Every structure is written in C-alpha cells, then in structure tokens.
Amino acid sequence: MLLEKAELVKELTMMLETYETRREQPVLWDTLSEELLEKQMKGIVGFKIIIDEVQAAFKLSQNRHERIMPAS
C-alpha cells in the first residue's frame, strides 16, 4: 500500500527523530527548508507491506561444523 503525502511526512519525521536526535548535529524535519523538503519528497515513495509469513533457515558459518558453533 502506497502512503499518502501526509502519512509519508509523518513517517519520515518520526524516523528522523528516532535516528538523528542522538547526533551532535541532528537533521530534523522541522529544521529543513520547505524548498529542500519539496525537492526531496519528489524522489521518495513510501509504502507499507503486510508480512503474513516468515521463512528462515539455519546456516553454519563457512568452514565450521555444527558441534563447534555456539548454541542460540
């Protein structure tokens, strides 16, 4: 499902707040110019997907045997 512009802005704002606030010079949505935001938004497509199944496989590291691998 593709996100509408308002929802995409909300998601990007939350992402920046999550990952940028700890930085010395954080880049946050409210600090960016309107011109820059409009320009960058043209190249961003937001979407959500529903995951209904996860498949996984156990794999040993290369050149190692199961008996020497640490237990998970």
Protein backbone atom coordinates (compact mmCIF):
# COMPACT_ATOMS: atom_id res chain seq x y z
CA MET A 1 0.00 0.00 0.00
CA LEU A 2 1.45 3.37 -1.01
CA LEU A 3 1.44 6.15 1.57
CA GLU A 4 -0.28 9.46 1.00
CA LYS A 5 1.94 12.56 1.31
CA ALA A 6 0.73 13.46 4.83
CA GLU A 7 1.37 9.93 6.11
CA LEU A 8 4.79 9.84 4.44
CA VAL A 9 5.74 13.15 6.10
CA LYS A 10 4.64 11.73 9.47
CA GLU A 11 6.72 8.56 8.98
CA LEU A 12 9.82 10.48 7.81
CA THR A 13 9.51 12.90 10.74
CA MET A 14 9.36 10.00 13.21
CA MET A 15 12.31 8.28 11.53
CA LEU A 16 14.46 11.41 11.72
CA GLU A 17 13.52 11.93 15.38
CA THR A 18 14.39 8.31 16.15
CA TYR A 19 17.77 8.17 14.44
CA GLU A 20 19.01 11.77 14.37
CA THR A 21 18.30 13.17 17.87
CA ARG A 22 21.37 11.46 19.38
CA ARG A 23 23.74 13.00 16.85
CA GLU A 24 25.81 16.08 17.62
CA GLN A 25 24.18 17.98 14.75
CA PRO A 26 20.84 16.25 14.13
CA VAL A 27 18.93 16.68 10.90
CA LEU A 28 15.27 17.02 11.84
CA TRP A 29 12.25 17.63 9.65
CA ASP A 30 11.43 20.99 11.26
CA THR A 31 14.96 22.33 10.63
CA LEU A 32 14.96 21.67 6.87
CA SER A 33 13.85 24.29 4.36
CA GLU A 34 10.50 23.91 2.67
CA GLU A 35 12.23 24.09 -0.73
CA LEU A 36 14.58 21.22 0.15
CA LEU A 37 11.75 19.10 1.55
CA GLU A 38 9.58 19.53 -1.54
CA LYS A 39 12.51 18.70 -3.81
CA GLN A 40 13.46 15.58 -1.85
CA MET A 41 9.85 14.37 -1.48
CA LYS A 42 9.62 14.02 -5.26
CA GLY A 43 12.11 11.16 -5.10
CA ILE A 44 10.63 9.29 -2.12
CA VAL A 45 7.92 6.66 -2.40
CA GLY A 46 6.57 5.48 0.94
CA PHE A 47 4.83 2.15 1.27
CA LYS A 48 3.69 -0.36 3.85
CA ILE A 49 3.58 -4.08 3.39
CA ILE A 50 1.82 -6.79 5.33
CA ILE A 51 4.02 -9.71 6.26
CA ASP A 52 1.99 -12.89 6.57
CA GLU A 53 4.81 -15.44 6.65
CA VAL A 54 8.46 -15.55 7.65
CA GLN A 55 10.73 -18.31 6.38
CA ALA A 56 14.14 -18.87 7.92
CA ALA A 57 16.97 -21.35 7.63
CA PHE A 58 19.78 -22.29 9.98
CA LYS A 59 23.16 -21.86 8.35
CA LEU A 60 26.56 -22.71 9.75
CA SER A 61 29.40 -20.28 9.28
CA GLN A 62 31.74 -21.12 6.44
CA ASN A 63 34.31 -23.84 7.23
CA ARG A 64 32.81 -24.70 10.65
CA HIS A 65 30.95 -27.70 11.93
CA GLU A 66 27.75 -27.66 13.97
CA ARG A 67 29.45 -29.15 17.05
CA ILE A 68 31.71 -26.08 17.49
CA MET A 69 29.02 -23.47 16.87
CA PRO A 70 27.64 -21.68 19.94
CA ALA A 71 24.06 -22.52 20.89
CA SER A 72 21.46 -19.88 20.03
